């Protein structure tokens, strides 16, 4: 009888141990399943995050590219000169003033060289003044051509018109300077001619021979 009881106790102990072990395995399995589900959720969240970032980057890239294209189109448009600018009255005025500068300085210079009231050094000085003025007027014309020629400068119509006005003002100043310079030089030539005439008259009156 004691043996039967002992055997029964041993069987009960083994069964309890097995049940306990199985219970731990079940709990561990449940934990593993839960961890797997959490891991899957993390992967899913990471995937969604990547997709959001990827789409966002593409959107930003597209917007940036679009803005660049718009910017390039705008800048390319500024390289073209509109008919309004090309027909601006000041353009003809600038060219006409430059022609007047050339015509008036040549006429005056030839007259001063021929009237005999200026020495060679003075004639050379007059030539340098006229030559420098002529070169500056050509620079103004070059600037004008840059402003009104396609694909030369990036400027709006208003900026081009303002730049043309500035060139006109500079050319106008040169023409006014030339006329003032010629007028003063002519007065000097007349004074010298009068002095020579007065001297010649005095010589005749007093019978003075050179």
C-alpha atoms as a PDB file:
ATOM      1  CA  UNK A   1       0.000   0.000   0.000  1.00  0.00           C
ATOM      2  CA  UNK A   2       2.831   2.366   0.840  1.00  0.00           C
ATOM      3  CA  UNK A   3       4.378   1.653  -2.528  1.00  0.00           C
ATOM      4  CA  UNK A   4       1.156   2.536  -4.319  1.00  0.00           C
ATOM      5  CA  UNK A   5       0.920   5.794  -2.422  1.00  0.00           C
ATOM      6  CA  UNK A   6       4.554   6.592  -3.223  1.00  0.00           C
ATOM      7  CA  UNK A   7       4.017   5.864  -6.893  1.00  0.00           C
ATOM      8  CA  UNK A   8       0.919   8.052  -6.893  1.00  0.00           C
ATOM      9  CA  UNK A   9       2.854  10.915  -5.276  1.00  0.00           C
ATOM     10  CA  UNK A  10       5.646  10.594  -7.822  1.00  0.00           C
ATOM     11  CA  UNK A  11       3.151  10.597 -10.711  1.00  0.00           C
ATOM     12  CA  UNK A  12       1.378  13.619  -9.272  1.00  0.00           C
ATOM     13  CA  UNK A  13       4.681  15.433  -8.901  1.00  0.00           C
ATOM     14  CA  UNK A  14       5.709  14.646 -12.482  1.00  0.00           C
ATOM     15  CA  UNK A  15       2.347  15.668 -13.834  1.00  0.00           C
ATOM     16  CA  UNK A  16       2.448  18.914 -11.889  1.00  0.00           C
ATOM     17  CA  UNK A  17       5.955  19.613 -13.169  1.00  0.00           C
ATOM     18  CA  UNK A  18       4.886  18.934 -16.761  1.00  0.00           C
ATOM     19  CA  UNK A  19       1.820  21.135 -16.417  1.00  0.00           C
ATOM     20  CA  UNK A  20       3.946  23.881 -14.913  1.00  0.00           C
ATOM     21  CA  UNK A  21       6.492  23.574 -17.701  1.00  0.00           C
ATOM     22  CA  UNK A  22       3.786  23.595 -20.333  1.00  0.00           C
ATOM     23  CA  UNK A  23       2.225  26.661 -18.717  1.00  0.00           C
ATOM     24  CA  UNK A  24       5.549  28.516 -18.882  1.00  0.00           C
ATOM     25  CA  UNK A  25       5.982  27.514 -22.514  1.00  0.00           C
ATOM     26  CA  UNK A  26       2.486  28.766 -23.323  1.00  0.00           C
ATOM     27  CA  UNK A  27       3.184  32.047 -21.567  1.00  0.00           C
ATOM     28  CA  UNK A  28       6.489  32.424 -23.402  1.00  0.00           C
ATOM     29  CA  UNK A  29       4.767  31.619 -26.671  1.00  0.00           C
ATOM     30  CA  UNK A  30       2.137  34.250 -25.967  1.00  0.00           C
ATOM     31  CA  UNK A  31       4.872  36.759 -25.188  1.00  0.00           C
ATOM     32  CA  UNK A  32       6.663  35.899 -28.430  1.00  0.00           C
ATOM     33  CA  UNK A  33       3.437  36.324 -30.398  1.00  0.00           C
ATOM     34  CA  UNK A  34       2.851  39.694 -28.747  1.00  0.00           C
ATOM     35  CA  UNK A  35       6.425  40.796 -29.485  1.00  0.00           C
ATOM     36  CA  UNK A  36       6.036  39.670 -33.095  1.00  0.00           C
ATOM     37  CA  UNK A  37       2.848  41.711 -33.437  1.00  0.00           C
ATOM     38  CA  UNK A  38       4.591  44.736 -31.944  1.00  0.00           C
ATOM     39  CA  UNK A  39       7.530  44.259 -34.284  1.00  0.00           C
ATOM     40  CA  UNK A  40       5.187  44.055 -37.263  1.00  0.00           C
ATOM     41  CA  UNK A  41       3.511  47.279 -36.133  1.00  0.00           C
ATOM     42  CA  UNK A  42       6.875  48.977 -35.850  1.00  0.00           C
ATOM     43  CA  UNK A  43       7.798  47.825 -39.355  1.00  0.00           C
ATOM     44  CA  UNK A  44       4.450  49.074 -40.618  1.00  0.00           C
ATOM     45  CA  UNK A  45       4.959  52.441 -38.945  1.00  0.00           C
ATOM     46  CA  UNK A  46       8.463  52.698 -40.372  1.00  0.00           C
ATOM     47  CA  UNK A  47       7.145  51.896 -43.845  1.00  0.00           C
ATOM     48  CA  UNK A  48       4.465  54.564 -43.567  1.00  0.00           C
ATOM     49  CA  UNK A  49       7.027  57.060 -42.330  1.00  0.00           C
ATOM     50  CA  UNK A  50       9.326  56.294 -45.233  1.00  0.00           C
ATOM     51  CA  UNK A  51       6.461  56.679 -47.702  1.00  0.00           C
ATOM     52  CA  UNK A  52       5.512  60.046 -46.196  1.00  0.00           C
ATOM     53  CA  UNK A  53       9.100  61.272 -46.345  1.00  0.00           C
ATOM     54  CA  UNK A  54       9.534  59.936 -49.870  1.00  0.00           C
ATOM     55  CA  UNK A  55       6.334  61.558 -51.129  1.00  0.00           C
ATOM     56  CA  UNK A  56       7.201  64.761 -49.305  1.00  0.00           C
ATOM     57  CA  UNK A  57      10.662  64.866 -50.856  1.00  0.00           C
ATOM     58  CA  UNK A  58       9.226  64.250 -54.315  1.00  0.00           C
ATOM     59  CA  UNK A  59       6.663  66.986 -53.767  1.00  0.00           C
ATOM     60  CA  UNK A  60       9.307  69.434 -52.605  1.00  0.00           C
ATOM     61  CA  UNK A  61      11.533  68.464 -55.515  1.00  0.00           C
ATOM     62  CA  UNK A  62       8.682  68.965 -57.984  1.00  0.00           C
ATOM     63  CA  UNK A  63       7.783  72.321 -56.471  1.00  0.00           C
ATOM     64  CA  UNK A  64      11.406  73.386 -56.477  1.00  0.00           C
ATOM     65  CA  UNK A  65      11.837  72.297 -60.089  1.00  0.00           C
ATOM     66  CA  UNK A  66       8.644  74.084 -61.013  1.00  0.00           C
ATOM     67  CA  UNK A  67       9.800  77.252 -59.319  1.00  0.00           C
ATOM     68  CA  UNK A  68      13.143  76.973 -61.072  1.00  0.00           C
ATOM     69  CA  UNK A  69      11.439  76.587 -64.429  1.00  0.00           C
ATOM     70  CA  UNK A  70       9.238  79.597 -63.701  1.00  0.00           C
ATOM     71  CA  UNK A  71      12.273  81.570 -62.582  1.00  0.00           C
ATOM     72  CA  UNK A  72      14.211  80.609 -65.712  1.00  0.00           C
ATOM     73  CA  UNK A  73      11.259  81.538 -67.921  1.00  0.00           C
ATOM     74  CA  UNK A  74      11.020  84.901 -66.194  1.00  0.00           C
ATOM     75  CA  UNK A  75      14.749  85.578 -66.555  1.00  0.00           C
ATOM     76  CA  UNK A  76      14.748  84.500 -70.196  1.00  0.00           C
ATOM     77  CA  UNK A  77      11.866  86.892 -70.761  1.00  0.00           C
ATOM     78  CA  UNK A  78      13.985  89.718 -69.381  1.00  0.00           C
ATOM     79  CA  UNK A  79      16.579  88.983 -72.060  1.00  0.00           C
ATOM     80  CA  UNK A  80      14.064  89.955 -74.761  1.00  0.00           C
ATOM     81  CA  UNK A  81      13.494  93.610 -75.655  1.00  0.00           C
ATOM     82  CA  UNK A  82       9.857  94.565 -76.152  1.00  0.00           C
ATOM     83  CA  UNK A  83       8.610  96.692 -79.081  1.00  0.00           C
ATOM     84  CA  UNK A  84       7.681  99.394 -76.566  1.00  0.00           C
ATOM     85  CA  UNK A  85      11.334  99.791 -75.628  1.00  0.00           C
ATOM     86  CA  UNK A  86      12.628  99.601 -79.200  1.00  0.00           C
ATOM     87  CA  UNK A  87      10.230 102.350 -80.301  1.00  0.00           C
ATOM     88  CA  UNK A  88      11.111 104.660 -77.416  1.00  0.00           C
ATOM     89  CA  UNK A  89      11.662 108.210 -78.717  1.00  0.00           C
ATOM     90  CA  UNK A  90      14.817 108.777 -76.685  1.00  0.00           C
ATOM     91  CA  UNK A  91      16.670 106.189 -78.770  1.00  0.00           C
ATOM     92  CA  UNK A  92      16.394 108.358 -81.892  1.00  0.00           C
ATOM     93  CA  UNK A  93      17.280 111.435 -79.828  1.00  0.00           C
ATOM     94  CA  UNK A  94      20.467 109.799 -78.554  1.00  0.00           C
ATOM     95  CA  UNK A  95      21.600 108.817 -82.052  1.00  0.00           C
ATOM     96  CA  UNK A  96      20.768 112.270 -83.417  1.00  0.00           C
ATOM     97  CA  UNK A  97      22.731 113.968 -80.622  1.00  0.00           C
ATOM     98  CA  UNK A  98      25.758 111.801 -81.335  1.00  0.00           C
ATOM     99  CA  UNK A  99      25.620 112.790 -85.013  1.00  0.00           C
ATOM    100  CA  UNK A 100      25.378 116.447 -83.981  1.00  0.00           C
ATOM    101  CA  UNK A 101      28.439 116.050 -81.757  1.00  0.00           C
ATOM    102  CA  UNK A 102      30.478 114.637 -84.638  1.00  0.00           C
ATOM    103  CA  UNK A 103      29.266 117.272 -87.112  1.00  0.00           C
ATOM    104  CA  UNK A 104      29.737 120.274 -84.817  1.00  0.00           C
ATOM    105  CA  UNK A 105      33.135 119.310 -83.445  1.00  0.00           C
ATOM    106  CA  UNK A 106      34.546 118.655 -86.932  1.00  0.00           C
ATOM    107  CA  UNK A 107      33.234 121.963 -88.274  1.00  0.00           C
ATOM    108  CA  UNK A 108      34.606 123.920 -85.316  1.00  0.00           C
ATOM    109  CA  UNK A 109      37.958 122.132 -85.290  1.00  0.00           C
ATOM    110  CA  UNK A 110      38.569 122.776 -88.992  1.00  0.00           C
ATOM    111  CA  UNK A 111      37.693 126.459 -88.525  1.00  0.00           C
ATOM    112  CA  UNK A 112      40.035 126.881 -85.549  1.00  0.00           C
ATOM    113  CA  UNK A 113      42.901 125.198 -87.426  1.00  0.00           C
ATOM    114  CA  UNK A 114      42.486 127.536 -90.395  1.00  0.00           C
ATOM    115  CA  UNK A 115      41.864 130.944 -88.820  1.00  0.00           C
ATOM    116  CA  UNK A 116      45.458 131.329 -87.600  1.00  0.00           C
ATOM    117  CA  UNK A 117      44.578 132.502 -84.100  1.00  0.00           C
ATOM    118  CA  UNK A 118      45.872 129.391 -82.308  1.00  0.00           C
ATOM    119  CA  UNK A 119      49.386 128.008 -82.108  1.00  0.00           C
ATOM    120  CA  UNK A 120      50.227 124.325 -82.772  1.00  0.00           C
ATOM    121  CA  UNK A 121      50.131 123.426 -79.076  1.00  0.00           C
ATOM    122  CA  UNK A 122      46.672 124.912 -78.707  1.00  0.00           C
ATOM    123  CA  UNK A 123      45.431 123.124 -81.816  1.00  0.00           C
ATOM    124  CA  UNK A 124      46.742 119.836 -80.387  1.00  0.00           C
ATOM    125  CA  UNK A 125      44.877 120.490 -77.139  1.00  0.00           C
ATOM    126  CA  UNK A 126      41.645 121.185 -79.031  1.00  0.00           C
ATOM    127  CA  UNK A 127      42.110 117.938 -80.939  1.00  0.00           C
ATOM    128  CA  UNK A 128      42.473 115.961 -77.693  1.00  0.00           C
ATOM    129  CA  UNK A 129      39.310 117.515 -76.234  1.00  0.00           C
ATOM    130  CA  UNK A 130      37.313 116.683 -79.351  1.00  0.00           C
ATOM    131  CA  UNK A 131      38.791 113.182 -79.612  1.00  0.00           C
ATOM    132  CA  UNK A 132      37.968 112.345 -75.995  1.00  0.00           C
ATOM    133  CA  UNK A 133      34.437 113.696 -76.376  1.00  0.00           C
ATOM    134  CA  UNK A 134      33.920 111.617 -79.520  1.00  0.00           C
ATOM    135  CA  UNK A 135      35.129 108.416 -77.806  1.00  0.00           C
ATOM    136  CA  UNK A 136      32.801 108.984 -74.865  1.00  0.00           C
ATOM    137  CA  UNK A 137      29.855 109.506 -77.215  1.00  0.00           C
ATOM    138  CA  UNK A 138      30.675 106.173 -78.892  1.00  0.00           C
ATOM    139  CA  UNK A 139      30.691 104.503 -75.462  1.00  0.00           C
ATOM    140  CA  UNK A 140      27.208 105.896 -74.887  1.00  0.00           C
ATOM    141  CA  UNK A 141      26.065 104.409 -78.197  1.00  0.00           C
ATOM    142  CA  UNK A 142      27.549 101.036 -77.242  1.00  0.00           C
ATOM    143  CA  UNK A 143      25.651 101.167 -73.952  1.00  0.00           C
ATOM    144  CA  UNK A 144      22.455 102.008 -75.813  1.00  0.00           C
ATOM    145  CA  UNK A 145      22.921  99.063 -78.171  1.00  0.00           C
ATOM    146  CA  UNK A 146      23.392  96.731 -75.202  1.00  0.00           C
ATOM    147  CA  UNK A 147      20.134  97.940 -73.671  1.00  0.00           C
ATOM    148  CA  UNK A 148      18.015  97.553 -76.800  1.00  0.00           C
ATOM    149  CA  UNK A 149      19.518  94.300 -78.142  1.00  0.00           C
ATOM    150  CA  UNK A 150      17.959  90.924 -77.325  1.00  0.00           C
ATOM    151  CA  UNK A 151      19.914  88.443 -75.179  1.00  0.00           C
ATOM    152  CA  UNK A 152      22.390  91.039 -73.913  1.00  0.00           C
ATOM    153  CA  UNK A 153      21.020  92.189 -70.561  1.00  0.00           C
ATOM    154  CA  UNK A 154      18.382  90.890 -68.138  1.00  0.00           C
ATOM    155  CA  UNK A 155      16.201  93.937 -67.529  1.00  0.00           C
ATOM    156  CA  UNK A 156      12.505  94.714 -67.271  1.00  0.00           C
ATOM    157  CA  UNK A 157      10.930  97.232 -69.645  1.00  0.00           C
ATOM    158  CA  UNK A 158      10.924  99.904 -66.941  1.00  0.00           C
ATOM    159  CA  UNK A 159      14.592  99.290 -66.200  1.00  0.00           C
ATOM    160  CA  UNK A 160      15.461  99.513 -69.902  1.00  0.00           C
ATOM    161  CA  UNK A 161      13.536 102.756 -70.331  1.00  0.00           C
ATOM    162  CA  UNK A 162      15.248 104.225 -67.284  1.00  0.00           C
ATOM    163  CA  UNK A 163      18.655 103.129 -68.595  1.00  0.00           C
ATOM    164  CA  UNK A 164      17.903 104.710 -71.983  1.00  0.00           C
ATOM    165  CA  UNK A 165      16.977 107.965 -70.238  1.00  0.00           C
ATOM    166  CA  UNK A 166      20.317 107.906 -68.453  1.00  0.00           C
ATOM    167  CA  UNK A 167      22.193 107.415 -71.733  1.00  0.00           C
ATOM    168  CA  UNK A 168      20.209 110.265 -73.278  1.00  0.00           C
ATOM    169  CA  UNK A 169      21.114 112.516 -70.344  1.00  0.00           C
ATOM    170  CA  UNK A 170      24.818 111.705 -70.719  1.00  0.00           C
ATOM    171  CA  UNK A 171      24.751 112.302 -74.471  1.00  0.00           C
ATOM    172  CA  UNK A 172      22.843 115.553 -73.972  1.00  0.00           C
ATOM    173  CA  UNK A 173      25.462 116.727 -71.477  1.00  0.00           C
ATOM    174  CA  UNK A 174      28.219 116.020 -74.005  1.00  0.00           C
ATOM    175  CA  UNK A 175      26.455 118.002 -76.715  1.00  0.00           C
ATOM    176  CA  UNK A 176      25.899 120.951 -74.364  1.00  0.00           C
ATOM    177  CA  UNK A 177      29.540 120.810 -73.257  1.00  0.00           C
ATOM    178  CA  UNK A 178      30.703 120.782 -76.877  1.00  0.00           C
ATOM    179  CA  UNK A 179      28.629 123.825 -77.757  1.00  0.00           C
ATOM    180  CA  UNK A 180      29.813 125.698 -74.673  1.00  0.00           C
ATOM    181  CA  UNK A 181      33.438 124.765 -75.443  1.00  0.00           C
ATOM    182  CA  UNK A 182      33.117 125.809 -79.096  1.00  0.00           C
ATOM    183  CA  UNK A 183      31.457 129.085 -78.104  1.00  0.00           C
ATOM    184  CA  UNK A 184      34.244 129.984 -75.650  1.00  0.00           C
ATOM    185  CA  UNK A 185      36.943 128.994 -78.146  1.00  0.00           C
ATOM    186  CA  UNK A 186      35.269 131.093 -80.846  1.00  0.00           C
ATOM    187  CA  UNK A 187      35.165 134.114 -78.502  1.00  0.00           C
ATOM    188  CA  UNK A 188      38.873 133.637 -77.783  1.00  0.00           C
ATOM    189  CA  UNK A 189      39.619 133.462 -81.521  1.00  0.00           C
ATOM    190  CA  UNK A 190      37.650 136.685 -82.155  1.00  0.00           C
ATOM    191  CA  UNK A 191      39.461 138.484 -79.326  1.00  0.00           C
ATOM    192  CA  UNK A 192      42.817 137.485 -80.751  1.00  0.00           C
ATOM    193  CA  UNK A 193      41.757 138.496 -84.246  1.00  0.00           C
ATOM    194  CA  UNK A 194      40.636 141.894 -82.908  1.00  0.00           C
ATOM    195  CA  UNK A 195      43.922 142.334 -81.082  1.00  0.00           C
ATOM    196  CA  UNK A 196      45.826 141.498 -84.250  1.00  0.00           C
ATOM    197  CA  UNK A 197      43.688 143.923 -86.229  1.00  0.00           C
ATOM    198  CA  UNK A 198      44.197 146.640 -83.624  1.00  0.00           C
ATOM    199  CA  UNK A 199      47.921 146.038 -83.705  1.00  0.00           C
ATOM    200  CA  UNK A 200      47.973 146.214 -87.504  1.00  0.00           C
ATOM    201  CA  UNK A 201      45.986 149.465 -87.432  1.00  0.00           C
ATOM    202  CA  UNK A 202      48.360 151.018 -84.891  1.00  0.00           C
ATOM    203  CA  UNK A 203      51.299 150.006 -87.044  1.00  0.00           C
ATOM    204  CA  UNK A 204      49.782 151.773 -90.026  1.00  0.00           C
ATOM    205  CA  UNK A 205      48.998 154.892 -88.031  1.00  0.00           C
ATOM    206  CA  UNK A 206      52.468 155.220 -86.610  1.00  0.00           C
ATOM    207  CA  UNK A 207      54.238 153.823 -89.646  1.00  0.00           C
ATOM    208  CA  UNK A 208      55.787 151.014 -87.722  1.00  0.00           C
ATOM    209  CA  UNK A 209      57.252 148.231 -89.852  1.00  0.00           C
ATOM    210  CA  UNK A 210      57.669 144.736 -88.614  1.00  0.00           C
END
